[in-house]
PDB file of N, CA and C in Angstrom:
ATOM      1  N   MET A   1      15.705 -52.534  -1.701  1.00  0.00           N
ATOM      2  CA  MET A   1      16.501 -51.749  -0.788  1.00  0.00           C
ATOM      3  C   MET A   1      16.623 -50.311  -1.283  1.00  0.00           C
ATOM      4  N   LYS A   2      16.849 -50.142  -2.605  1.00  0.00           N
ATOM      5  CA  LYS A   2      16.973 -48.802  -3.156  1.00  0.00           C
ATOM      6  C   LYS A   2      15.639 -48.057  -3.062  1.00  0.00           C
ATOM      7  N   THR A   3      14.547 -48.790  -3.190  1.00  0.00           N
ATOM      8  CA  THR A   3      13.226 -48.175  -3.109  1.00  0.00           C
ATOM      9  C   THR A   3      12.974 -47.627  -1.711  1.00  0.00           C
ATOM     10  N   LYS A   4      13.335 -48.398  -0.683  1.00  0.00           N
ATOM     11  CA  LYS A   4      13.154 -47.953   0.697  1.00  0.00           C
ATOM     12  C   LYS A   4      14.015 -46.720   0.972  1.00  0.00           C
ATOM     13  N   LEU A   5      15.239 -46.734   0.489  1.00  0.00           N
ATOM     14  CA  LEU A   5      16.139 -45.600   0.677  1.00  0.00           C
ATOM     15  C   LEU A   5      15.594 -44.357  -0.021  1.00  0.00           C
ATOM     16  N   LEU A   6      15.063 -44.538  -1.222  1.00  0.00           N
ATOM     17  CA  LEU A   6      14.466 -43.427  -1.957  1.00  0.00           C
ATOM     18  C   LEU A   6      13.238 -42.885  -1.231  1.00  0.00           C
ATOM     19  N   LEU A   7      12.400 -43.763  -0.699  1.00  0.00           N
ATOM     20  CA  LEU A   7      11.218 -43.330   0.032  1.00  0.00           C
ATOM     21  C   LEU A   7      11.595 -42.561   1.304  1.00  0.00           C
ATOM     22  N   VAL A   8      12.612 -43.020   2.019  1.00  0.00           N
ATOM     23  CA  VAL A   8      13.072 -42.325   3.220  1.00  0.00           C
ATOM     24  C   VAL A   8      13.612 -40.945   2.847  1.00  0.00           C
ATOM     25  N   ALA A   9      14.363 -40.857   1.763  1.00  0.00           N
ATOM     26  CA  ALA A   9      14.903 -39.573   1.322  1.00  0.00           C
ATOM     27  C   ALA A   9      13.777 -38.617   0.927  1.00  0.00           C
ATOM     28  N   LEU A  10      12.777 -39.095   0.196  1.00  0.00           N
ATOM     29  CA  LEU A  10      11.648 -38.256  -0.193  1.00  0.00           C
ATOM     30  C   LEU A  10      10.833 -37.804   1.015  1.00  0.00           C
ATOM     31  N   PHE A  11      10.639 -38.700   1.965  1.00  0.00           N
ATOM     32  CA  PHE A  11       9.905 -38.356   3.182  1.00  0.00           C
ATOM     33  C   PHE A  11      10.649 -37.282   3.975  1.00  0.00           C
ATOM     34  N   SER A  12      11.958 -37.422   4.089  1.00  0.00           N
ATOM     35  CA  SER A  12      12.769 -36.421   4.795  1.00  0.00           C
ATOM     36  C   SER A  12      12.717 -35.074   4.088  1.00  0.00           C
ATOM     37  N   LEU A  13      12.791 -35.107   2.772  1.00  0.00           N
ATOM     38  CA  LEU A  13      12.709 -33.878   1.998  1.00  0.00           C
ATOM     39  C   LEU A  13      11.353 -33.212   2.187  1.00  0.00           C
ATOM     40  N   PHE A  14      10.282 -33.999   2.172  1.00  0.00           N
ATOM     41  CA  PHE A  14       8.942 -33.466   2.374  1.00  0.00           C
ATOM     42  C   PHE A  14       8.802 -32.817   3.745  1.00  0.00           C
ATOM     43  N   LEU A  15       9.296 -33.470   4.788  1.00  0.00           N
ATOM     44  CA  LEU A  15       9.217 -32.898   6.132  1.00  0.00           C
ATOM     45  C   LEU A  15      10.004 -31.595   6.225  1.00  0.00           C
ATOM     46  N   GLY A  16      11.180 -31.578   5.632  1.00  0.00           N
ATOM     47  CA  GLY A  16      11.992 -30.354   5.650  1.00  0.00           C
ATOM     48  C   GLY A  16      11.317 -29.207   4.933  1.00  0.00           C
ATOM     49  N   LEU A  17      10.721 -29.494   3.783  1.00  0.00           N
ATOM     50  CA  LEU A  17      10.016 -28.446   3.036  1.00  0.00           C
ATOM     51  C   LEU A  17       8.775 -27.958   3.765  1.00  0.00           C
ATOM     52  N   SER A  18       8.050 -28.859   4.391  1.00  0.00           N
ATOM     53  CA  SER A  18       6.841 -28.435   5.101  1.00  0.00           C
ATOM     54  C   SER A  18       7.199 -27.541   6.282  1.00  0.00           C
ATOM     55  N   GLN A  19       8.313 -27.822   6.967  1.00  0.00           N
ATOM     56  CA  GLN A  19       8.763 -26.958   8.058  1.00  0.00           C
ATOM     57  C   GLN A  19       9.194 -25.606   7.525  1.00  0.00           C
ATOM     58  N   THR A  20       9.888 -25.603   6.395  1.00  0.00           N
ATOM     59  CA  THR A  20      10.330 -24.344   5.797  1.00  0.00           C
ATOM     60  C   THR A  20       9.148 -23.482   5.413  1.00  0.00           C
ATOM     61  N   PHE A  21       8.128 -24.068   4.789  1.00  0.00           N
ATOM     62  CA  PHE A  21       6.945 -23.305   4.407  1.00  0.00           C
ATOM     63  C   PHE A  21       6.184 -22.811   5.627  1.00  0.00           C
ATOM     64  N   ALA A  22       6.089 -23.624   6.653  1.00  0.00           N
ATOM     65  CA  ALA A  22       5.389 -23.201   7.869  1.00  0.00           C
ATOM     66  C   ALA A  22       6.104 -22.026   8.521  1.00  0.00           C
ATOM     67  N   THR A  23       7.425 -22.051   8.544  1.00  0.00           N
ATOM     68  CA  THR A  23       8.194 -20.954   9.129  1.00  0.00           C
ATOM     69  C   THR A  23       8.083 -19.708   8.271  1.00  0.00           C
ATOM     70  N   ALA A  24       8.146 -19.861   6.961  1.00  0.00           N
ATOM     71  CA  ALA A  24       8.085 -18.708   6.061  1.00  0.00           C
ATOM     72  C   ALA A  24       6.720 -18.028   6.112  1.00  0.00           C
ATOM     73  N   ASN A  25       5.666 -18.779   6.329  1.00  0.00           N
ATOM     74  CA  ASN A  25       4.330 -18.202   6.347  1.00  0.00           C
ATOM     75  C   ASN A  25       3.909 -17.694   7.710  1.00  0.00           C
ATOM     76  N   SER A  26       4.720 -17.908   8.747  1.00  0.00           N
ATOM     77  CA  SER A  26       4.326 -17.449  10.068  1.00  0.00           C
ATOM     78  C   SER A  26       4.576 -15.957  10.190  1.00  0.00           C
ATOM     79  N   THR A  27       3.596 -15.259  10.717  1.00  0.00           N
ATOM     80  CA  THR A  27       3.704 -13.827  10.953  1.00  0.00           C
ATOM     81  C   THR A  27       3.289 -13.573  12.385  1.00  0.00           C
ATOM     82  N   ILE A  28       3.207 -12.324  12.717  1.00  0.00           N
ATOM     83  CA  ILE A  28       2.788 -11.953  14.064  1.00  0.00           C
ATOM     84  C   ILE A  28       1.411 -12.518  14.392  1.00  0.00           C
ATOM     85  N   PHE A  29       0.543 -12.685  13.381  1.00  0.00           N
ATOM     86  CA  PHE A  29      -0.809 -13.130  13.630  1.00  0.00           C
ATOM     87  C   PHE A  29      -0.869 -14.625  13.895  1.00  0.00           C
ATOM     88  N   HIS A  30       0.023 -15.411  13.288  1.00  0.00           N
ATOM     89  CA  HIS A  30      -0.017 -16.856  13.486  1.00  0.00           C
ATOM     90  C   HIS A  30       0.670 -17.262  14.783  1.00  0.00           C
ATOM     91  N   ASN A  31       1.836 -16.709  15.060  1.00  0.00           N
ATOM     92  CA  ASN A  31       2.586 -17.108  16.242  1.00  0.00           C
ATOM     93  C   ASN A  31       2.421 -16.126  17.397  1.00  0.00           C
ATOM     94  N   ASP A  32       1.900 -14.968  17.142  1.00  0.00           N
ATOM     95  CA  ASP A  32       1.638 -13.932  18.125  1.00  0.00           C
ATOM     96  C   ASP A  32       2.680 -13.906  19.245  1.00  0.00           C
ATOM     97  N   PRO A  33       3.904 -13.486  18.925  1.00  0.00           N
ATOM     98  CA  PRO A  33       4.921 -13.432  19.970  1.00  0.00           C
ATOM     99  C   PRO A  33       4.532 -12.431  21.039  1.00  0.00           C
ATOM    100  N   ASP A  34       5.051 -12.634  22.216  1.00  0.00           N
ATOM    101  CA  ASP A  34       4.780 -11.759  23.338  1.00  0.00           C
ATOM    102  C   ASP A  34       5.578 -10.474  23.145  1.00  0.00           C
ATOM    103  N   ILE A  35       4.906  -9.391  22.789  1.00  0.00           N
ATOM    104  CA  ILE A  35       5.546  -8.107  22.553  1.00  0.00           C
ATOM    105  C   ILE A  35       5.199  -7.186  23.716  1.00  0.00           C
ATOM    106  N   LYS A  36       6.219  -6.614  24.331  1.00  0.00           N
ATOM    107  CA  LYS A  36       6.031  -5.627  25.387  1.00  0.00           C
ATOM    108  C   LYS A  36       6.319  -4.254  24.793  1.00  0.00           C
ATOM    109  N   VAL A  37       5.498  -3.281  25.118  1.00  0.00           N
ATOM    110  CA  VAL A  37       5.660  -1.920  24.628  1.00  0.00           C
ATOM    111  C   VAL A  37       5.948  -1.020  25.824  1.00  0.00           C
ATOM    112  N   VAL A  38       7.077  -0.293  25.748  1.00  0.00           N
ATOM    113  CA  VAL A  38       7.466   0.634  26.804  1.00  0.00           C
ATOM    114  C   VAL A  38       7.594   2.012  26.172  1.00  0.00           C
ATOM    115  N   VAL A  39       6.872   2.985  26.731  1.00  0.00           N
ATOM    116  CA  VAL A  39       6.865   4.342  26.178  1.00  0.00           C
ATOM    117  C   VAL A  39       7.634   5.266  27.112  1.00  0.00           C
ATOM    118  N   SER A  40       8.617   5.981  26.561  1.00  0.00           N
ATOM    119  CA  SER A  40       9.325   7.035  27.297  1.00  0.00           C
ATOM    120  C   SER A  40       9.008   8.360  26.609  1.00  0.00           C
ATOM    121  N   GLN A  41       9.597   9.445  27.055  1.00  0.00           N
ATOM    122  CA  GLN A  41       9.334  10.751  26.455  1.00  0.00           C
ATOM    123  C   GLN A  41       9.886  10.862  25.041  1.00  0.00           C
ATOM    124  N   LYS A  42      10.956  10.121  24.730  1.00  0.00           N
ATOM    125  CA  LYS A  42      11.599  10.251  23.427  1.00  0.00           C
ATOM    126  C   LYS A  42      11.393   9.060  22.506  1.00  0.00           C
ATOM    127  N   ARG A  43      11.101   7.884  23.068  1.00  0.00           N
ATOM    128  CA  ARG A  43      11.018   6.668  22.253  1.00  0.00           C
ATOM    129  C   ARG A  43       9.931   5.731  22.731  1.00  0.00           C
ATOM    130  N   ILE A  44       9.493   4.898  21.786  1.00  0.00           N
ATOM    131  CA  ILE A  44       8.668   3.738  22.103  1.00  0.00           C
ATOM    132  C   ILE A  44       9.580   2.534  21.897  1.00  0.00           C
ATOM    133  N   TRP A  45       9.769   1.747  22.934  1.00  0.00           N
ATOM    134  CA  TRP A  45      10.628   0.560  22.868  1.00  0.00           C
ATOM    135  C   TRP A  45       9.751  -0.676  22.754  1.00  0.00           C
ATOM    136  N   LEU A  46      10.149  -1.587  21.886  1.00  0.00           N
ATOM    137  CA  LEU A  46       9.458  -2.860  21.726  1.00  0.00           C
ATOM    138  C   LEU A  46      10.394  -3.970  22.150  1.00  0.00           C
ATOM    139  N   VAL A  47       9.888  -4.853  22.991  1.00  0.00           N
ATOM    140  CA  VAL A  47      10.672  -5.994  23.456  1.00  0.00           C
ATOM    141  C   VAL A  47       9.898  -7.248  23.096  1.00  0.00           C
ATOM    142  N   ALA A  48      10.514  -8.109  22.283  1.00  0.00           N
ATOM    143  CA  ALA A  48       9.859  -9.346  21.832  1.00  0.00           C
ATOM    144  C   ALA A  48      10.492 -10.548  22.501  1.00  0.00           C
ATOM    145  N   ASP A  49       9.732 -11.636  22.578  1.00  0.00           N
ATOM    146  CA  ASP A  49      10.298 -12.871  23.094  1.00  0.00           C
ATOM    147  C   ASP A  49      11.181 -13.496  22.010  1.00  0.00           C
ATOM    148  N   GLU A  50      11.574 -14.714  22.175  1.00  0.00           N
ATOM    149  CA  GLU A  50      12.541 -15.354  21.290  1.00  0.00           C
ATOM    150  C   GLU A  50      11.966 -15.859  19.971  1.00  0.00           C
ATOM    151  N   ILE A  51      10.676 -15.728  19.750  1.00  0.00           N
ATOM    152  CA  ILE A  51      10.077 -16.183  18.495  1.00  0.00           C
ATOM    153  C   ILE A  51      10.540 -15.261  17.371  1.00  0.00           C
ATOM    154  N   SER A  52      10.953 -15.833  16.262  1.00  0.00           N
ATOM    155  CA  SER A  52      11.408 -14.999  15.157  1.00  0.00           C
ATOM    156  C   SER A  52      10.223 -14.287  14.515  1.00  0.00           C
ATOM    157  N   VAL A  53      10.469 -13.048  14.125  1.00  0.00           N
ATOM    158  CA  VAL A  53       9.436 -12.214  13.528  1.00  0.00           C
ATOM    159  C   VAL A  53       9.899 -11.819  12.143  1.00  0.00           C
ATOM    160  N   LYS A  54       9.108 -12.178  11.141  1.00  0.00           N
ATOM    161  CA  LYS A  54       9.480 -11.864   9.764  1.00  0.00           C
ATOM    162  C   LYS A  54       9.168 -10.416   9.432  1.00  0.00           C
ATOM    163  N   CYS A  55       7.965  -9.961   9.740  1.00  0.00           N
ATOM    164  CA  CYS A  55       7.575  -8.581   9.453  1.00  0.00           C
ATOM    165  C   CYS A  55       6.501  -8.167  10.450  1.00  0.00           C
ATOM    166  N   LEU A  56       6.837  -7.222  11.308  1.00  0.00           N
ATOM    167  CA  LEU A  56       5.939  -6.761  12.349  1.00  0.00           C
ATOM    168  C   LEU A  56       5.647  -5.284  12.131  1.00  0.00           C
ATOM    169  N   SER A  57       4.403  -4.960  11.888  1.00  0.00           N
ATOM    170  CA  SER A  57       3.993  -3.580  11.663  1.00  0.00           C
ATOM    171  C   SER A  57       3.648  -2.931  12.996  1.00  0.00           C
ATOM    172  N   VAL A  58       4.243  -1.753  13.244  1.00  0.00           N
ATOM    173  CA  VAL A  58       3.927  -0.973  14.436  1.00  0.00           C
ATOM    174  C   VAL A  58       3.482   0.407  13.977  1.00  0.00           C
ATOM    175  N   GLN A  59       2.318   0.813  14.440  1.00  0.00           N
ATOM    176  CA  GLN A  59       1.766   2.107  14.056  1.00  0.00           C
ATOM    177  C   GLN A  59       1.459   2.932  15.291  1.00  0.00           C
ATOM    178  N   VAL A  60       1.661   4.247  15.160  1.00  0.00           N
ATOM    179  CA  VAL A  60       1.246   5.197  16.185  1.00  0.00           C
ATOM    180  C   VAL A  60       0.091   5.990  15.592  1.00  0.00           C
ATOM    181  N   LEU A  61      -1.048   5.979  16.288  1.00  0.00           N
ATOM    182  CA  LEU A  61      -2.240   6.671  15.815  1.00  0.00           C
ATOM    183  C   LEU A  61      -2.553   7.844  16.733  1.00  0.00           C
ATOM    184  N   ASP A  62      -3.035   8.931  16.140  1.00  0.00           N
ATOM    185  CA  ASP A  62      -3.440  10.072  16.951  1.00  0.00           C
ATOM    186  C   ASP A  62      -4.851   9.857  17.482  1.00  0.00           C
ATOM    187  N   GLU A  63      -5.398  10.862  18.150  1.00  0.00           N
ATOM    188  CA  GLU A  63      -6.732  10.746  18.761  1.00  0.00           C
ATOM    189  C   GLU A  63      -7.825  10.465  17.747  1.00  0.00           C
ATOM    190  N   LYS A  64      -7.627  10.909  16.514  1.00  0.00           N
ATOM    191  CA  LYS A  64      -8.627  10.725  15.468  1.00  0.00           C
ATOM    192  C   LYS A  64      -8.504   9.371  14.774  1.00  0.00           C
ATOM    193  N   GLY A  65      -7.481   8.589  15.128  1.00  0.00           N
ATOM    194  CA  GLY A  65      -7.264   7.288  14.505  1.00  0.00           C
ATOM    195  C   GLY A  65      -6.404   7.346  13.267  1.00  0.00           C
ATOM    196  N   LYS A  66      -5.810   8.497  13.003  1.00  0.00           N
ATOM    197  CA  LYS A  66      -4.947   8.668  11.832  1.00  0.00           C
ATOM    198  C   LYS A  66      -3.533   8.168  12.163  1.00  0.00           C
ATOM    199  N   VAL A  67      -2.954   7.404  11.235  1.00  0.00           N
ATOM    200  CA  VAL A  67      -1.596   6.897  11.426  1.00  0.00           C
ATOM    201  C   VAL A  67      -0.618   8.056  11.252  1.00  0.00           C
ATOM    202  N   VAL A  68       0.110   8.379  12.318  1.00  0.00           N
ATOM    203  CA  VAL A  68       1.080   9.481  12.266  1.00  0.00           C
ATOM    204  C   VAL A  68       2.510   8.966  12.180  1.00  0.00           C
ATOM    205  N   MET A  69       2.698   7.685  12.464  1.00  0.00           N
ATOM    206  CA  MET A  69       4.025   7.082  12.395  1.00  0.00           C
ATOM    207  C   MET A  69       3.855   5.586  12.190  1.00  0.00           C
ATOM    208  N   GLU A  70       4.722   5.005  11.350  1.00  0.00           N
ATOM    209  CA  GLU A  70       4.653   3.564  11.095  1.00  0.00           C
ATOM    210  C   GLU A  70       6.055   3.049  10.831  1.00  0.00           C
ATOM    211  N   LYS A  71       6.327   1.856  11.354  1.00  0.00           N
ATOM    212  CA  LYS A  71       7.633   1.231  11.138  1.00  0.00           C
ATOM    213  C   LYS A  71       7.429  -0.276  11.133  1.00  0.00           C
ATOM    214  N   TYR A  72       8.230  -0.952  10.303  1.00  0.00           N
ATOM    215  CA  TYR A  72       8.180  -2.410  10.215  1.00  0.00           C
ATOM    216  C   TYR A  72       9.430  -2.979  10.863  1.00  0.00           C
ATOM    217  N   PHE A  73       9.258  -3.985  11.698  1.00  0.00           N
ATOM    218  CA  PHE A  73      10.361  -4.616  12.406  1.00  0.00           C
ATOM    219  C   PHE A  73      10.487  -6.072  11.985  1.00  0.00           C
ATOM    220  N   SER A  74      11.704  -6.599  12.094  1.00  0.00           N
ATOM    221  CA  SER A  74      11.952  -8.017  11.865  1.00  0.00           C
ATOM    222  C   SER A  74      13.017  -8.479  12.846  1.00  0.00           C
ATOM    223  N   SER A  75      13.180  -9.787  12.936  1.00  0.00           N
ATOM    224  CA  SER A  75      14.158 -10.348  13.860  1.00  0.00           C
ATOM    225  C   SER A  75      15.586  -9.947  13.513  1.00  0.00           C
ATOM    226  N   LYS A  76      15.809  -9.544  12.274  1.00  0.00           N
ATOM    227  CA  LYS A  76      17.155  -9.184  11.834  1.00  0.00           C
ATOM    228  C   LYS A  76      17.572  -7.783  12.280  1.00  0.00           C
ATOM    229  N   MET A  77      16.633  -6.993  12.789  1.00  0.00           N
ATOM    230  CA  MET A  77      16.925  -5.628  13.217  1.00  0.00           C
ATOM    231  C   MET A  77      17.487  -5.619  14.633  1.00  0.00           C
ATOM    232  N   THR A  78      18.328  -4.634  14.916  1.00  0.00           N
ATOM    233  CA  THR A  78      18.870  -4.502  16.264  1.00  0.00           C
ATOM    234  C   THR A  78      18.176  -3.406  17.067  1.00  0.00           C
ATOM    235  N   ASP A  79      17.683  -2.376  16.404  1.00  0.00           N
ATOM    236  CA  ASP A  79      17.017  -1.272  17.092  1.00  0.00           C
ATOM    237  C   ASP A  79      15.509  -1.439  16.974  1.00  0.00           C
ATOM    238  N   TRP A  80      14.886  -1.820  18.069  1.00  0.00           N
ATOM    239  CA  TRP A  80      13.445  -2.011  18.099  1.00  0.00           C
ATOM    240  C   TRP A  80      12.797  -0.843  18.844  1.00  0.00           C
ATOM    241  N   SER A  81      12.936   0.339  18.268  1.00  0.00           N
ATOM    242  CA  SER A  81      12.334   1.516  18.889  1.00  0.00           C
ATOM    243  C   SER A  81      11.857   2.488  17.823  1.00  0.00           C
ATOM    244  N   LEU A  82      10.958   3.369  18.240  1.00  0.00           N
ATOM    245  CA  LEU A  82      10.453   4.448  17.402  1.00  0.00           C
ATOM    246  C   LEU A  82      10.748   5.763  18.116  1.00  0.00           C
ATOM    247  N   ARG A  83      11.300   6.709  17.400  1.00  0.00           N
ATOM    248  CA  ARG A  83      11.560   8.029  17.974  1.00  0.00           C
ATOM    249  C   ARG A  83      10.275   8.849  17.902  1.00  0.00           C
ATOM    250  N   ILE A  84       9.766   9.245  19.059  1.00  0.00           N
ATOM    251  CA  ILE A  84       8.499   9.980  19.104  1.00  0.00           C
ATOM    252  C   ILE A  84       8.672  11.410  19.598  1.00  0.00           C
ATOM    253  N   GLU A  85       9.897  11.849  19.782  1.00  0.00           N
ATOM    254  CA  GLU A  85      10.120  13.183  20.349  1.00  0.00           C
ATOM    255  C   GLU A  85       9.612  14.305  19.450  1.00  0.00           C
ATOM    256  N   SER A  86       9.443  14.046  18.154  1.00  0.00           N
ATOM    257  CA  SER A  86       8.972  15.090  17.235  1.00  0.00           C
ATOM    258  C   SER A  86       7.449  15.160  17.148  1.00  0.00           C
ATOM    259  N   LEU A  87       6.747  14.224  17.777  1.00  0.00           N
ATOM    260  CA  LEU A  87       5.282  14.258  17.750  1.00  0.00           C
ATOM    261  C   LEU A  87       4.761  15.443  18.549  1.00  0.00           C
ATOM    262  N   PRO A  88       3.734  16.122  18.044  1.00  0.00           N
ATOM    263  CA  PRO A  88       3.145  17.212  18.829  1.00  0.00           C
ATOM    264  C   PRO A  88       2.421  16.666  20.063  1.00  0.00           C
ATOM    265  N   GLU A  89       2.154  17.535  21.013  1.00  0.00           N
ATOM    266  CA  GLU A  89       1.453  17.110  22.219  1.00  0.00           C
ATOM    267  C   GLU A  89       0.081  16.561  21.861  1.00  0.00           C
ATOM    268  N   GLY A  90      -0.308  15.527  22.569  1.00  0.00           N
ATOM    269  CA  GLY A  90      -1.603  14.916  22.310  1.00  0.00           C
ATOM    270  C   GLY A  90      -1.664  13.511  22.867  1.00  0.00           C
ATOM    271  N   ARG A  91      -2.757  12.842  22.595  1.00  0.00           N
ATOM    272  CA  ARG A  91      -2.966  11.464  23.047  1.00  0.00           C
ATOM    273  C   ARG A  91      -2.789  10.539  21.844  1.00  0.00           C
ATOM    274  N   TYR A  92      -2.045   9.457  22.046  1.00  0.00           N
ATOM    275  CA  TYR A  92      -1.719   8.534  20.957  1.00  0.00           C
ATOM    276  C   TYR A  92      -1.963   7.090  21.389  1.00  0.00           C
ATOM    277  N   SER A  93      -2.115   6.222  20.407  1.00  0.00           N
ATOM    278  CA  SER A  93      -2.247   4.780  20.625  1.00  0.00           C
ATOM    279  C   SER A  93      -1.162   4.064  19.834  1.00  0.00           C
ATOM    280  N   VAL A  94      -0.698   2.946  20.371  1.00  0.00           N
ATOM    281  CA  VAL A  94       0.301   2.120  19.698  1.00  0.00           C
ATOM    282  C   VAL A  94      -0.380   0.824  19.271  1.00  0.00           C
ATOM    283  N   MET A  95      -0.305   0.548  17.973  1.00  0.00           N
ATOM    284  CA  MET A  95      -0.854  -0.683  17.413  1.00  0.00           C
ATOM    285  C   MET A  95       0.301  -1.577  16.970  1.00  0.00           C
ATOM    286  N   VAL A  96       0.299  -2.814  17.406  1.00  0.00           N
ATOM    287  CA  VAL A  96       1.271  -3.813  16.956  1.00  0.00           C
ATOM    288  C   VAL A  96       0.482  -4.833  16.156  1.00  0.00           C
ATOM    289  N   GLY A  97       0.731  -4.843  14.839  1.00  0.00           N
ATOM    290  CA  GLY A  97      -0.123  -5.639  13.957  1.00  0.00           C
ATOM    291  C   GLY A  97      -1.514  -5.031  13.980  1.00  0.00           C
ATOM    292  N   ASN A  98      -2.530  -5.818  14.280  1.00  0.00           N
ATOM    293  CA  ASN A  98      -3.906  -5.325  14.398  1.00  0.00           C
ATOM    294  C   ASN A  98      -4.328  -5.148  15.845  1.00  0.00           C
ATOM    295  N   LYS A  99      -3.391  -5.256  16.760  1.00  0.00           N
ATOM    296  CA  LYS A  99      -3.681  -5.269  18.176  1.00  0.00           C
ATOM    297  C   LYS A  99      -3.274  -3.956  18.843  1.00  0.00           C
ATOM    298  N   LYS A 100      -4.222  -3.322  19.522  1.00  0.00           N
ATOM    299  CA  LYS A 100      -3.909  -2.100  20.265  1.00  0.00           C
ATOM    300  C   LYS A 100      -3.154  -2.492  21.530  1.00  0.00           C
ATOM    301  N   MET A 101      -1.956  -1.942  21.688  1.00  0.00           N
ATOM    302  CA  MET A 101      -1.109  -2.329  22.817  1.00  0.00           C
ATOM    303  C   MET A 101      -1.206  -1.355  23.990  1.00  0.00           C
ATOM    304  N   THR A 102      -1.159  -0.052  23.711  1.00  0.00           N
ATOM    305  CA  THR A 102      -1.173   0.919  24.793  1.00  0.00           C
ATOM    306  C   THR A 102      -1.542   2.292  24.268  1.00  0.00           C
ATOM    307  N   ASP A 103      -1.921   3.168  25.176  1.00  0.00           N
ATOM    308  CA  ASP A 103      -2.155   4.580  24.895  1.00  0.00           C
ATOM    309  C   ASP A 103      -1.111   5.377  25.660  1.00  0.00           C
ATOM    310  N   PHE A 104      -0.780   6.538  25.142  1.00  0.00           N
ATOM    311  CA  PHE A 104       0.148   7.403  25.867  1.00  0.00           C
ATOM    312  C   PHE A 104      -0.111   8.857  25.502  1.00  0.00           C
ATOM    313  N   ASN A 105       0.315   9.739  26.391  1.00  0.00           N
ATOM    314  CA  ASN A 105       0.236  11.177  26.169  1.00  0.00           C
ATOM    315  C   ASN A 105       1.618  11.696  25.859  1.00  0.00           C
ATOM    316  N   ARG A 106       1.681  12.619  24.961  1.00  0.00           N
ATOM    317  CA  ARG A 106       2.964  13.242  24.612  1.00  0.00           C
ATOM    318  C   ARG A 106       2.841  14.708  24.896  1.00  0.00           C
TER     319      ARG A 106
END
């Protein structure tokens, strides 16, 4: 009886740990949450679905492909925006992770 109880406890512990590791290792690339990008004259707003995000890299690239702005977001943050009002006039691209999301003119 004690052996069965011990085996059930070990099995439960194993399942709990495997879920914890799976959650800890998930990033934007594994779970690819649905991220919407909205560009206004002063800010780039990011809207994510309910999937938790541990570390999400957002980059703004100029016409030459040079990173001119970068910010990391997580589910613990409340402000999911980038202030772009100081960028000089030009054409820019928004990258979320390794994925090009949109282009915009400033």
